[in-house]
PDB file of N, CA and C in Angstrom:
ATOM      1  N   MET A   1      79.688  86.194  85.947  1.00  0.00           N
ATOM      2  CA  MET A   1      78.667  87.135  85.592  1.00  0.00           C
ATOM      3  C   MET A   1      79.284  88.529  85.398  1.00  0.00           C
ATOM      4  N   ARG A   2      79.006  89.192  84.315  1.00  0.00           N
ATOM      5  CA  ARG A   2      79.470  90.515  84.021  1.00  0.00           C
ATOM      6  C   ARG A   2      78.263  91.411  83.937  1.00  0.00           C
ATOM      7  N   ILE A   3      78.520  92.691  84.387  1.00  0.00           N
ATOM      8  CA  ILE A   3      77.394  93.709  84.168  1.00  0.00           C
ATOM      9  C   ILE A   3      77.929  94.731  83.198  1.00  0.00           C
ATOM     10  N   ILE A   4      77.317  94.814  82.019  1.00  0.00           N
ATOM     11  CA  ILE A   4      77.701  95.685  81.025  1.00  0.00           C
ATOM     12  C   ILE A   4      76.765  96.835  80.865  1.00  0.00           C
ATOM     13  N   GLN A   5      77.141  98.097  81.012  1.00  0.00           N
ATOM     14  CA  GLN A   5      76.278  99.179  80.771  1.00  0.00           C
ATOM     15  C   GLN A   5      76.435  99.668  79.317  1.00  0.00           C
ATOM     16  N   PHE A   6      75.253  99.925  78.759  1.00  0.00           N
ATOM     17  CA  PHE A   6      75.107 100.085  77.308  1.00  0.00           C
ATOM     18  C   PHE A   6      74.222 101.363  77.107  1.00  0.00           C
ATOM     19  N   LEU A   7      74.798 102.291  76.298  1.00  0.00           N
ATOM     20  CA  LEU A   7      74.047 103.510  76.074  1.00  0.00           C
ATOM     21  C   LEU A   7      74.461 104.203  74.764  1.00  0.00           C
ATOM     22  N   PRO A   8      73.699 105.073  74.209  1.00  0.00           N
ATOM     23  CA  PRO A   8      74.073 105.697  72.959  1.00  0.00           C
ATOM     24  C   PRO A   8      75.170 106.646  73.136  1.00  0.00           C
ATOM     25  N   THR A   9      75.181 107.527  74.176  1.00  0.00           N
ATOM     26  CA  THR A   9      76.262 108.530  74.367  1.00  0.00           C
ATOM     27  C   THR A   9      76.628 108.631  75.780  1.00  0.00           C
ATOM     28  N   LEU A  10      77.933 108.489  76.085  1.00  0.00           N
ATOM     29  CA  LEU A  10      78.454 108.753  77.364  1.00  0.00           C
ATOM     30  C   LEU A  10      79.077 110.128  77.309  1.00  0.00           C
ATOM     31  N   ALA A  11      78.319 111.100  77.824  1.00  0.00           N
ATOM     32  CA  ALA A  11      78.785 112.507  77.766  1.00  0.00           C
ATOM     33  C   ALA A  11      79.422 112.902  79.064  1.00  0.00           C
ATOM     34  N   PHE A  12      80.287 113.951  78.941  1.00  0.00           N
ATOM     35  CA  PHE A  12      81.004 114.492  80.119  1.00  0.00           C
ATOM     36  C   PHE A  12      80.016 115.493  80.824  1.00  0.00           C
ATOM     37  N   GLY A  13      79.809 115.164  82.126  1.00  0.00           N
ATOM     38  CA  GLY A  13      79.086 116.162  82.879  1.00  0.00           C
ATOM     39  C   GLY A  13      77.556 116.160  82.844  1.00  0.00           C
ATOM     40  N   ASP A  14      76.977 115.203  82.083  1.00  0.00           N
ATOM     41  CA  ASP A  14      75.452 115.227  82.093  1.00  0.00           C
ATOM     42  C   ASP A  14      75.012 114.200  83.078  1.00  0.00           C
ATOM     43  N   ALA A  15      73.710 114.267  83.257  1.00  0.00           N
ATOM     44  CA  ALA A  15      73.114 113.374  84.354  1.00  0.00           C
ATOM     45  C   ALA A  15      73.221 111.905  84.010  1.00  0.00           C
ATOM     46  N   VAL A  16      72.936 111.529  82.771  1.00  0.00           N
ATOM     47  CA  VAL A  16      73.001 110.133  82.425  1.00  0.00           C
ATOM     48  C   VAL A  16      74.424 109.616  82.446  1.00  0.00           C
ATOM     49  N   GLY A  17      75.365 110.467  81.979  1.00  0.00           N
ATOM     50  CA  GLY A  17      76.773 110.035  82.054  1.00  0.00           C
ATOM     51  C   GLY A  17      77.292 109.875  83.490  1.00  0.00           C
ATOM     52  N   ASN A  18      76.896 110.879  84.292  1.00  0.00           N
ATOM     53  CA  ASN A  18      77.374 110.801  85.690  1.00  0.00           C
ATOM     54  C   ASN A  18      76.783 109.617  86.417  1.00  0.00           C
ATOM     55  N   ASP A  19      75.488 109.288  86.137  1.00  0.00           N
ATOM     56  CA  ASP A  19      74.886 108.067  86.762  1.00  0.00           C
ATOM     57  C   ASP A  19      75.587 106.839  86.321  1.00  0.00           C
ATOM     58  N   THR A  20      75.831 106.710  85.019  1.00  0.00           N
ATOM     59  CA  THR A  20      76.481 105.569  84.405  1.00  0.00           C
ATOM     60  C   THR A  20      77.882 105.307  85.112  1.00  0.00           C
ATOM     61  N   ILE A  21      78.614 106.411  85.187  1.00  0.00           N
ATOM     62  CA  ILE A  21      79.984 106.303  85.719  1.00  0.00           C
ATOM     63  C   ILE A  21      79.920 105.956  87.241  1.00  0.00           C
ATOM     64  N   ALA A  22      78.985 106.539  87.974  1.00  0.00           N
ATOM     65  CA  ALA A  22      78.822 106.236  89.404  1.00  0.00           C
ATOM     66  C   ALA A  22      78.397 104.778  89.618  1.00  0.00           C
ATOM     67  N   LEU A  23      77.538 104.223  88.750  1.00  0.00           N
ATOM     68  CA  LEU A  23      77.214 102.857  88.838  1.00  0.00           C
ATOM     69  C   LEU A  23      78.415 101.969  88.625  1.00  0.00           C
ATOM     70  N   LYS A  24      79.216 102.286  87.611  1.00  0.00           N
ATOM     71  CA  LYS A  24      80.360 101.559  87.375  1.00  0.00           C
ATOM     72  C   LYS A  24      81.242 101.427  88.616  1.00  0.00           C
ATOM     73  N   LYS A  25      81.484 102.625  89.221  1.00  0.00           N
ATOM     74  CA  LYS A  25      82.422 102.727  90.383  1.00  0.00           C
ATOM     75  C   LYS A  25      81.782 101.902  91.518  1.00  0.00           C
ATOM     76  N   ALA A  26      80.503 102.015  91.809  1.00  0.00           N
ATOM     77  CA  ALA A  26      79.807 101.229  92.879  1.00  0.00           C
ATOM     78  C   ALA A  26      79.938  99.727  92.631  1.00  0.00           C
ATOM     79  N   MET A  27      79.774  99.296  91.391  1.00  0.00           N
ATOM     80  CA  MET A  27      79.841  97.866  91.086  1.00  0.00           C
ATOM     81  C   MET A  27      81.234  97.377  91.240  1.00  0.00           C
ATOM     82  N   GLN A  28      82.219  98.230  90.752  1.00  0.00           N
ATOM     83  CA  GLN A  28      83.613  97.764  90.956  1.00  0.00           C
ATOM     84  C   GLN A  28      84.005  97.660  92.485  1.00  0.00           C
ATOM     85  N   GLU A  29      83.484  98.573  93.349  1.00  0.00           N
ATOM     86  CA  GLU A  29      83.723  98.453  94.699  1.00  0.00           C
ATOM     87  C   GLU A  29      83.158  97.194  95.298  1.00  0.00           C
ATOM     88  N   LEU A  30      82.110  96.658  94.645  1.00  0.00           N
ATOM     89  CA  LEU A  30      81.435  95.388  95.158  1.00  0.00           C
ATOM     90  C   LEU A  30      82.071  94.165  94.394  1.00  0.00           C
ATOM     91  N   ASN A  31      83.205  94.465  93.623  1.00  0.00           N
ATOM     92  CA  ASN A  31      83.889  93.378  92.931  1.00  0.00           C
ATOM     93  C   ASN A  31      83.224  92.792  91.851  1.00  0.00           C
ATOM     94  N   TYR A  32      82.317  93.469  91.169  1.00  0.00           N
ATOM     95  CA  TYR A  32      81.649  92.931  89.973  1.00  0.00           C
ATOM     96  C   TYR A  32      82.577  93.352  88.779  1.00  0.00           C
ATOM     97  N   ASP A  33      82.527  92.414  87.774  1.00  0.00           N
ATOM     98  CA  ASP A  33      83.184  92.579  86.522  1.00  0.00           C
ATOM     99  C   ASP A  33      82.218  93.498  85.725  1.00  0.00           C
ATOM    100  N   THR A  34      82.604  94.753  85.466  1.00  0.00           N
ATOM    101  CA  THR A  34      81.617  95.692  84.889  1.00  0.00           C
ATOM    102  C   THR A  34      82.479  96.589  83.889  1.00  0.00           C
ATOM    103  N   SER A  35      81.684  97.034  82.845  1.00  0.00           N
ATOM    104  CA  SER A  35      82.210  97.976  81.906  1.00  0.00           C
ATOM    105  C   SER A  35      81.061  98.735  81.226  1.00  0.00           C
ATOM    106  N   ILE A  36      81.495  99.759  80.602  1.00  0.00           N
ATOM    107  CA  ILE A  36      80.553 100.667  79.894  1.00  0.00           C
ATOM    108  C   ILE A  36      80.875 100.566  78.341  1.00  0.00           C
ATOM    109  N   TYR A  37      79.795 100.577  77.525  1.00  0.00           N
ATOM    110  CA  TYR A  37      79.962 100.568  76.117  1.00  0.00           C
ATOM    111  C   TYR A  37      78.979 101.604  75.560  1.00  0.00           C
ATOM    112  N   ALA A  38      79.410 102.525  74.734  1.00  0.00           N
ATOM    113  CA  ALA A  38      78.622 103.570  74.156  1.00  0.00           C
ATOM    114  C   ALA A  38      78.948 103.787  72.655  1.00  0.00           C
ATOM    115  N   GLU A  39      77.958 104.267  71.919  1.00  0.00           N
ATOM    116  CA  GLU A  39      78.240 104.645  70.497  1.00  0.00           C
ATOM    117  C   GLU A  39      79.171 105.822  70.408  1.00  0.00           C
ATOM    118  N   VAL A  40      78.928 106.693  71.292  1.00  0.00           N
ATOM    119  CA  VAL A  40      79.814 107.981  71.376  1.00  0.00           C
ATOM    120  C   VAL A  40      80.313 108.132  72.769  1.00  0.00           C
ATOM    121  N   VAL A  41      81.630 108.233  72.921  1.00  0.00           N
ATOM    122  CA  VAL A  41      82.186 108.432  74.221  1.00  0.00           C
ATOM    123  C   VAL A  41      82.945 109.803  74.130  1.00  0.00           C
ATOM    124  N   ASP A  42      82.524 110.725  75.037  1.00  0.00           N
ATOM    125  CA  ASP A  42      83.106 111.953  75.106  1.00  0.00           C
ATOM    126  C   ASP A  42      84.618 111.971  75.450  1.00  0.00           C
ATOM    127  N   GLN A  43      85.370 112.609  74.572  1.00  0.00           N
ATOM    128  CA  GLN A  43      86.834 112.548  74.725  1.00  0.00           C
ATOM    129  C   GLN A  43      87.314 113.236  75.929  1.00  0.00           C
ATOM    130  N   ARG A  44      86.558 114.043  76.662  1.00  0.00           N
ATOM    131  CA  ARG A  44      86.951 114.754  77.862  1.00  0.00           C
ATOM    132  C   ARG A  44      86.965 113.765  79.096  1.00  0.00           C
ATOM    133  N   LEU A  45      86.325 112.630  78.886  1.00  0.00           N
ATOM    134  CA  LEU A  45      86.319 111.651  80.001  1.00  0.00           C
ATOM    135  C   LEU A  45      87.725 110.978  80.063  1.00  0.00           C
ATOM    136  N   PRO A  46      88.067 110.549  81.333  1.00  0.00           N
ATOM    137  CA  PRO A  46      89.315 109.832  81.482  1.00  0.00           C
ATOM    138  C   PRO A  46      89.375 108.612  80.568  1.00  0.00           C
ATOM    139  N   LYS A  47      90.577 108.334  80.142  1.00  0.00           N
ATOM    140  CA  LYS A  47      90.831 107.067  79.285  1.00  0.00           C
ATOM    141  C   LYS A  47      90.260 105.908  80.066  1.00  0.00           C
ATOM    142  N   HIS A  48      89.742 104.894  79.375  1.00  0.00           N
ATOM    143  CA  HIS A  48      89.252 103.643  79.919  1.00  0.00           C
ATOM    144  C   HIS A  48      87.955 103.804  80.722  1.00  0.00           C
ATOM    145  N   THR A  49      87.369 104.960  80.715  1.00  0.00           N
ATOM    146  CA  THR A  49      86.026 105.068  81.360  1.00  0.00           C
ATOM    147  C   THR A  49      85.030 104.151  80.661  1.00  0.00           C
ATOM    148  N   ALA A  50      85.023 104.170  79.297  1.00  0.00           N
ATOM    149  CA  ALA A  50      84.159 103.439  78.560  1.00  0.00           C
ATOM    150  C   ALA A  50      84.802 102.977  77.230  1.00  0.00           C
ATOM    151  N   SER A  51      84.201 101.987  76.609  1.00  0.00           N
ATOM    152  CA  SER A  51      84.608 101.527  75.283  1.00  0.00           C
ATOM    153  C   SER A  51      83.638 101.985  74.213  1.00  0.00           C
ATOM    154  N   ASP A  52      84.156 102.220  73.027  1.00  0.00           N
ATOM    155  CA  ASP A  52      83.365 102.617  71.922  1.00  0.00           C
ATOM    156  C   ASP A  52      82.696 101.351  71.364  1.00  0.00           C
ATOM    157  N   LEU A  53      81.499 101.419  71.118  1.00  0.00           N
ATOM    158  CA  LEU A  53      80.717 100.222  70.528  1.00  0.00           C
ATOM    159  C   LEU A  53      81.200  99.898  69.128  1.00  0.00           C
ATOM    160  N   CYS A  54      81.757 100.853  68.443  1.00  0.00           N
ATOM    161  CA  CYS A  54      82.295 100.634  67.077  1.00  0.00           C
ATOM    162  C   CYS A  54      83.383  99.492  67.124  1.00  0.00           C
ATOM    163  N   ASN A  55      83.969  99.364  68.282  1.00  0.00           N
ATOM    164  CA  ASN A  55      85.040  98.366  68.463  1.00  0.00           C
ATOM    165  C   ASN A  55      84.481  97.025  68.817  1.00  0.00           C
ATOM    166  N   GLY A  56      83.115  96.982  68.993  1.00  0.00           N
ATOM    167  CA  GLY A  56      82.461  95.691  69.352  1.00  0.00           C
ATOM    168  C   GLY A  56      82.285  95.528  70.853  1.00  0.00           C
ATOM    169  N   MET A  57      81.465  94.495  71.120  1.00  0.00           N
ATOM    170  CA  MET A  57      81.130  94.151  72.482  1.00  0.00           C
ATOM    171  C   MET A  57      81.781  92.837  72.786  1.00  0.00           C
ATOM    172  N   PRO A  58      81.946  92.484  74.049  1.00  0.00           N
ATOM    173  CA  PRO A  58      82.474  91.137  74.361  1.00  0.00           C
ATOM    174  C   PRO A  58      81.396  90.140  74.114  1.00  0.00           C
ATOM    175  N   GLU A  59      81.789  88.843  73.984  1.00  0.00           N
ATOM    176  CA  GLU A  59      80.785  87.850  73.968  1.00  0.00           C
ATOM    177  C   GLU A  59      80.065  87.745  75.306  1.00  0.00           C
ATOM    178  N   LEU A  60      78.731  87.699  75.265  1.00  0.00           N
ATOM    179  CA  LEU A  60      77.925  87.658  76.507  1.00  0.00           C
ATOM    180  C   LEU A  60      77.207  86.309  76.565  1.00  0.00           C
ATOM    181  N   ASP A  61      77.000  85.779  77.761  1.00  0.00           N
ATOM    182  CA  ASP A  61      76.269  84.586  77.895  1.00  0.00           C
ATOM    183  C   ASP A  61      75.096  84.888  78.819  1.00  0.00           C
ATOM    184  N   ASN A  62      74.271  83.865  79.171  1.00  0.00           N
ATOM    185  CA  ASN A  62      72.969  84.145  79.865  1.00  0.00           C
ATOM    186  C   ASN A  62      73.213  84.409  81.289  1.00  0.00           C
ATOM    187  N   SER A  63      74.479  84.339  81.817  1.00  0.00           N
ATOM    188  CA  SER A  63      74.666  84.861  83.207  1.00  0.00           C
ATOM    189  C   SER A  63      75.040  86.278  83.306  1.00  0.00           C
ATOM    190  N   ASP A  64      75.384  86.879  82.117  1.00  0.00           N
ATOM    191  CA  ASP A  64      75.665  88.343  82.044  1.00  0.00           C
ATOM    192  C   ASP A  64      74.507  89.174  82.053  1.00  0.00           C
ATOM    193  N   ILE A  65      74.630  90.484  82.428  1.00  0.00           N
ATOM    194  CA  ILE A  65      73.637  91.406  82.529  1.00  0.00           C
ATOM    195  C   ILE A  65      73.906  92.693  81.733  1.00  0.00           C
ATOM    196  N   ILE A  66      72.947  93.110  80.897  1.00  0.00           N
ATOM    197  CA  ILE A  66      73.151  94.470  80.194  1.00  0.00           C
ATOM    198  C   ILE A  66      72.269  95.452  80.981  1.00  0.00           C
ATOM    199  N   LEU A  67      72.804  96.535  81.470  1.00  0.00           N
ATOM    200  CA  LEU A  67      71.999  97.624  81.953  1.00  0.00           C
ATOM    201  C   LEU A  67      71.900  98.705  80.847  1.00  0.00           C
ATOM    202  N   TYR A  68      70.704  98.812  80.240  1.00  0.00           N
ATOM    203  CA  TYR A  68      70.594  99.736  79.113  1.00  0.00           C
ATOM    204  C   TYR A  68      70.025 101.065  79.662  1.00  0.00           C
ATOM    205  N   HIS A  69      70.794 102.195  79.404  1.00  0.00           N
ATOM    206  CA  HIS A  69      70.361 103.498  79.853  1.00  0.00           C
ATOM    207  C   HIS A  69      69.573 104.131  78.704  1.00  0.00           C
ATOM    208  N   MET A  70      68.201 104.199  79.001  1.00  0.00           N
ATOM    209  CA  MET A  70      67.253 104.732  77.929  1.00  0.00           C
ATOM    210  C   MET A  70      67.040 106.207  78.292  1.00  0.00           C
ATOM    211  N   SER A  71      67.454 107.083  77.397  1.00  0.00           N
ATOM    212  CA  SER A  71      67.283 108.501  77.530  1.00  0.00           C
ATOM    213  C   SER A  71      66.913 109.250  76.357  1.00  0.00           C
ATOM    214  N   THR A  72      67.008 108.594  75.134  1.00  0.00           N
ATOM    215  CA  THR A  72      66.772 109.265  73.803  1.00  0.00           C
ATOM    216  C   THR A  72      66.529 108.171  72.811  1.00  0.00           C
ATOM    217  N   GLY A  73      66.170 108.672  71.611  1.00  0.00           N
ATOM    218  CA  GLY A  73      65.945 107.736  70.563  1.00  0.00           C
ATOM    219  C   GLY A  73      67.293 107.193  70.075  1.00  0.00           C
ATOM    220  N   SER A  74      67.400 105.795  69.816  1.00  0.00           N
ATOM    221  CA  SER A  74      68.649 105.222  69.377  1.00  0.00           C
ATOM    222  C   SER A  74      68.400 103.870  68.727  1.00  0.00           C
ATOM    223  N   LYS A  75      69.163 103.595  67.747  1.00  0.00           N
ATOM    224  CA  LYS A  75      68.981 102.178  67.138  1.00  0.00           C
ATOM    225  C   LYS A  75      69.623 101.160  67.996  1.00  0.00           C
ATOM    226  N   LEU A  76      70.231 101.520  69.100  1.00  0.00           N
ATOM    227  CA  LEU A  76      70.789 100.551  70.079  1.00  0.00           C
ATOM    228  C   LEU A  76      69.692  99.736  70.720  1.00  0.00           C
ATOM    229  N   ASN A  77      68.515 100.290  70.772  1.00  0.00           N
ATOM    230  CA  ASN A  77      67.375  99.465  71.333  1.00  0.00           C
ATOM    231  C   ASN A  77      67.206  98.110  70.517  1.00  0.00           C
ATOM    232  N   TYR A  78      67.316  98.175  69.235  1.00  0.00           N
ATOM    233  CA  TYR A  78      67.278  96.961  68.386  1.00  0.00           C
ATOM    234  C   TYR A  78      68.439  96.055  68.564  1.00  0.00           C
ATOM    235  N   ARG A  79      69.587  96.593  68.925  1.00  0.00           N
ATOM    236  CA  ARG A  79      70.815  95.699  69.071  1.00  0.00           C
ATOM    237  C   ARG A  79      70.644  94.866  70.361  1.00  0.00           C
ATOM    238  N   LEU A  80      69.903  95.288  71.317  1.00  0.00           N
ATOM    239  CA  LEU A  80      69.739  94.486  72.562  1.00  0.00           C
ATOM    240  C   LEU A  80      69.184  93.106  72.325  1.00  0.00           C
ATOM    241  N   GLU A  81      68.417  92.965  71.275  1.00  0.00           N
ATOM    242  CA  GLU A  81      67.767  91.701  70.931  1.00  0.00           C
ATOM    243  C   GLU A  81      68.817  90.637  70.643  1.00  0.00           C
ATOM    244  N   GLN A  82      69.973  91.073  70.134  1.00  0.00           N
ATOM    245  CA  GLN A  82      70.955  90.108  69.683  1.00  0.00           C
ATOM    246  C   GLN A  82      71.828  89.435  70.844  1.00  0.00           C
ATOM    247  N   TYR A  83      71.607  89.945  71.946  1.00  0.00           N
ATOM    248  CA  TYR A  83      72.437  89.456  73.073  1.00  0.00           C
ATOM    249  C   TYR A  83      71.568  88.511  73.934  1.00  0.00           C
ATOM    250  N   ALA A  84      72.187  87.267  74.141  1.00  0.00           N
ATOM    251  CA  ALA A  84      71.511  86.242  74.903  1.00  0.00           C
ATOM    252  C   ALA A  84      71.941  86.378  76.442  1.00  0.00           C
ATOM    253  N   CYS A  85      71.469  87.361  77.030  1.00  0.00           N
ATOM    254  CA  CYS A  85      71.733  87.594  78.448  1.00  0.00           C
ATOM    255  C   CYS A  85      70.540  88.295  79.071  1.00  0.00           C
ATOM    256  N   ARG A  86      70.664  88.554  80.402  1.00  0.00           N
ATOM    257  CA  ARG A  86      69.520  89.307  81.035  1.00  0.00           C
ATOM    258  C   ARG A  86      69.744  90.838  80.772  1.00  0.00           C
ATOM    259  N   LYS A  87      68.555  91.484  80.587  1.00  0.00           N
ATOM    260  CA  LYS A  87      68.628  92.956  80.263  1.00  0.00           C
ATOM    261  C   LYS A  87      67.816  93.663  81.330  1.00  0.00           C
ATOM    262  N   ILE A  88      68.272  94.788  81.717  1.00  0.00           N
ATOM    263  CA  ILE A  88      67.607  95.751  82.610  1.00  0.00           C
ATOM    264  C   ILE A  88      67.653  97.097  81.958  1.00  0.00           C
ATOM    265  N   MET A  89      66.570  97.859  81.951  1.00  0.00           N
ATOM    266  CA  MET A  89      66.546  99.127  81.397  1.00  0.00           C
ATOM    267  C   MET A  89      66.500 100.136  82.609  1.00  0.00           C
ATOM    268  N   ILE A  90      67.359 101.120  82.490  1.00  0.00           N
ATOM    269  CA  ILE A  90      67.295 102.273  83.453  1.00  0.00           C
ATOM    270  C   ILE A  90      66.736 103.389  82.579  1.00  0.00           C
ATOM    271  N   TYR A  91      65.503 103.842  83.026  1.00  0.00           N
ATOM    272  CA  TYR A  91      64.806 104.918  82.219  1.00  0.00           C
ATOM    273  C   TYR A  91      65.201 106.191  82.884  1.00  0.00           C
ATOM    274  N   HIS A  92      65.880 107.041  82.158  1.00  0.00           N
ATOM    275  CA  HIS A  92      66.254 108.344  82.584  1.00  0.00           C
ATOM    276  C   HIS A  92      65.351 109.453  82.230  1.00  0.00           C
ATOM    277  N   ASN A  93      64.271 109.121  81.666  1.00  0.00           N
ATOM    278  CA  ASN A  93      63.216 110.052  81.144  1.00  0.00           C
ATOM    279  C   ASN A  93      63.700 110.614  79.846  1.00  0.00           C
ATOM    280  N   ILE A  94      62.644 110.910  79.075  1.00  0.00           N
ATOM    281  CA  ILE A  94      62.965 111.568  77.694  1.00  0.00           C
ATOM    282  C   ILE A  94      62.357 112.879  77.737  1.00  0.00           C
ATOM    283  N   THR A  95      63.093 113.900  77.476  1.00  0.00           N
ATOM    284  CA  THR A  95      62.551 115.247  77.415  1.00  0.00           C
ATOM    285  C   THR A  95      61.385 115.268  76.385  1.00  0.00           C
ATOM    286  N   PRO A  96      60.303 115.935  76.701  1.00  0.00           N
ATOM    287  CA  PRO A  96      59.216 115.967  75.712  1.00  0.00           C
ATOM    288  C   PRO A  96      59.698 116.704  74.470  1.00  0.00           C
ATOM    289  N   PRO A  97      59.453 116.099  73.342  1.00  0.00           N
ATOM    290  CA  PRO A  97      59.967 116.684  72.043  1.00  0.00           C
ATOM    291  C   PRO A  97      59.610 118.095  71.818  1.00  0.00           C
ATOM    292  N   GLU A  98      58.410 118.457  72.264  1.00  0.00           N
ATOM    293  CA  GLU A  98      57.957 119.876  72.007  1.00  0.00           C
ATOM    294  C   GLU A  98      58.909 120.900  72.734  1.00  0.00           C
ATOM    295  N   PHE A  99      59.596 120.518  73.747  1.00  0.00           N
ATOM    296  CA  PHE A  99      60.531 121.385  74.368  1.00  0.00           C
ATOM    297  C   PHE A  99      61.625 121.889  73.434  1.00  0.00           C
ATOM    298  N   PHE A 100      61.960 121.080  72.341  1.00  0.00           N
ATOM    299  CA  PHE A 100      63.002 121.443  71.457  1.00  0.00           C
ATOM    300  C   PHE A 100      62.444 122.122  70.203  1.00  0.00           C
ATOM    301  N   ARG A 101      61.114 122.097  70.055  1.00  0.00           N
ATOM    302  CA  ARG A 101      60.487 122.578  68.802  1.00  0.00           C
ATOM    303  C   ARG A 101      60.885 124.073  68.614  1.00  0.00           C
ATOM    304  N   GLY A 102      61.391 124.350  67.416  1.00  0.00           N
ATOM    305  CA  GLY A 102      61.777 125.753  67.046  1.00  0.00           C
ATOM    306  C   GLY A 102      63.246 126.019  67.472  1.00  0.00           C
ATOM    307  N   TYR A 103      63.874 125.192  68.169  1.00  0.00           N
ATOM    308  CA  TYR A 103      65.265 125.408  68.616  1.00  0.00           C
ATOM    309  C   TYR A 103      66.210 124.412  68.050  1.00  0.00           C
ATOM    310  N   ASN A 104      65.832 123.125  68.052  1.00  0.00           N
ATOM    311  CA  ASN A 104      66.784 122.082  67.731  1.00  0.00           C
ATOM    312  C   ASN A 104      65.998 120.927  67.029  1.00  0.00           C
ATOM    313  N   ALA A 105      65.906 120.955  65.757  1.00  0.00           N
ATOM    314  CA  ALA A 105      64.994 119.910  65.064  1.00  0.00           C
ATOM    315  C   ALA A 105      65.565 118.521  65.293  1.00  0.00           C
ATOM    316  N   GLN A 106      66.844 118.355  65.335  1.00  0.00           N
ATOM    317  CA  GLN A 106      67.459 116.975  65.549  1.00  0.00           C
ATOM    318  C   GLN A 106      67.133 116.477  66.919  1.00  0.00           C
ATOM    319  N   ALA A 107      67.258 117.344  67.956  1.00  0.00           N
ATOM    320  CA  ALA A 107      66.918 116.905  69.322  1.00  0.00           C
ATOM    321  C   ALA A 107      65.513 116.608  69.468  1.00  0.00           C
ATOM    322  N   GLU A 108      64.570 117.358  68.794  1.00  0.00           N
ATOM    323  CA  GLU A 108      63.173 117.078  68.790  1.00  0.00           C
ATOM    324  C   GLU A 108      62.901 115.718  68.138  1.00  0.00           C
ATOM    325  N   ALA A 109      63.508 115.440  66.971  1.00  0.00           N
ATOM    326  CA  ALA A 109      63.365 114.144  66.337  1.00  0.00           C
ATOM    327  C   ALA A 109      63.798 112.965  67.175  1.00  0.00           C
ATOM    328  N   ASN A 110      65.020 113.139  67.824  1.00  0.00           N
ATOM    329  CA  ASN A 110      65.551 112.135  68.708  1.00  0.00           C
ATOM    330  C   ASN A 110      64.615 111.821  69.882  1.00  0.00           C
ATOM    331  N   ALA A 111      64.080 112.831  70.514  1.00  0.00           N
ATOM    332  CA  ALA A 111      63.157 112.698  71.627  1.00  0.00           C
ATOM    333  C   ALA A 111      61.893 112.020  71.208  1.00  0.00           C
ATOM    334  N   GLN A 112      61.365 112.368  70.025  1.00  0.00           N
ATOM    335  CA  GLN A 112      60.157 111.700  69.522  1.00  0.00           C
ATOM    336  C   GLN A 112      60.389 110.349  69.167  1.00  0.00           C
ATOM    337  N   TYR A 113      61.571 109.970  68.580  1.00  0.00           N
ATOM    338  CA  TYR A 113      61.917 108.626  68.292  1.00  0.00           C
ATOM    339  C   TYR A 113      62.055 107.729  69.601  1.00  0.00           C
ATOM    340  N   GLY A 114      62.761 108.408  70.577  1.00  0.00           N
ATOM    341  CA  GLY A 114      62.855 107.731  71.871  1.00  0.00           C
ATOM    342  C   GLY A 114      61.590 107.293  72.491  1.00  0.00           C
ATOM    343  N   LEU A 115      60.634 108.231  72.398  1.00  0.00           N
ATOM    344  CA  LEU A 115      59.309 107.958  72.972  1.00  0.00           C
ATOM    345  C   LEU A 115      58.597 106.787  72.230  1.00  0.00           C
ATOM    346  N   TRP A 116      58.772 106.838  70.908  1.00  0.00           N
ATOM    347  CA  TRP A 116      58.212 105.758  70.076  1.00  0.00           C
ATOM    348  C   TRP A 116      58.834 104.437  70.403  1.00  0.00           C
ATOM    349  N   LEU A 117      60.198 104.421  70.598  1.00  0.00           N
ATOM    350  CA  LEU A 117      60.903 103.178  70.929  1.00  0.00           C
ATOM    351  C   LEU A 117      60.579 102.657  72.304  1.00  0.00           C
ATOM    352  N   LEU A 118      60.323 103.511  73.202  1.00  0.00           N
ATOM    353  CA  LEU A 118      60.020 103.205  74.573  1.00  0.00           C
ATOM    354  C   LEU A 118      58.733 102.377  74.609  1.00  0.00           C
TER     355      LEU A 118
END
């Protein structure tokens, strides 16, 4: 059994990224085979913290588990369906889109999309 963490962006110093990395360390201390995959991996993170999803995911079977970190709108939600394994979502909350209105249209759209996907 492997535990794969899956998220759109693994950022340096943000709450979702810190939680993801802390979970990986805790699982490693418990001797679980674990890794992190993200569409975007912040280059400021230490090498081998996570793998870029552009390079693909390992083959998964029904004994494996994906921990999906839901925090924004992402097409990754649709990719989850292709994996024949158990899936768990960790919901990190989605900032209400109106908080971004007038400041960051892309962030507003991502938040709205995330709520729709949720």
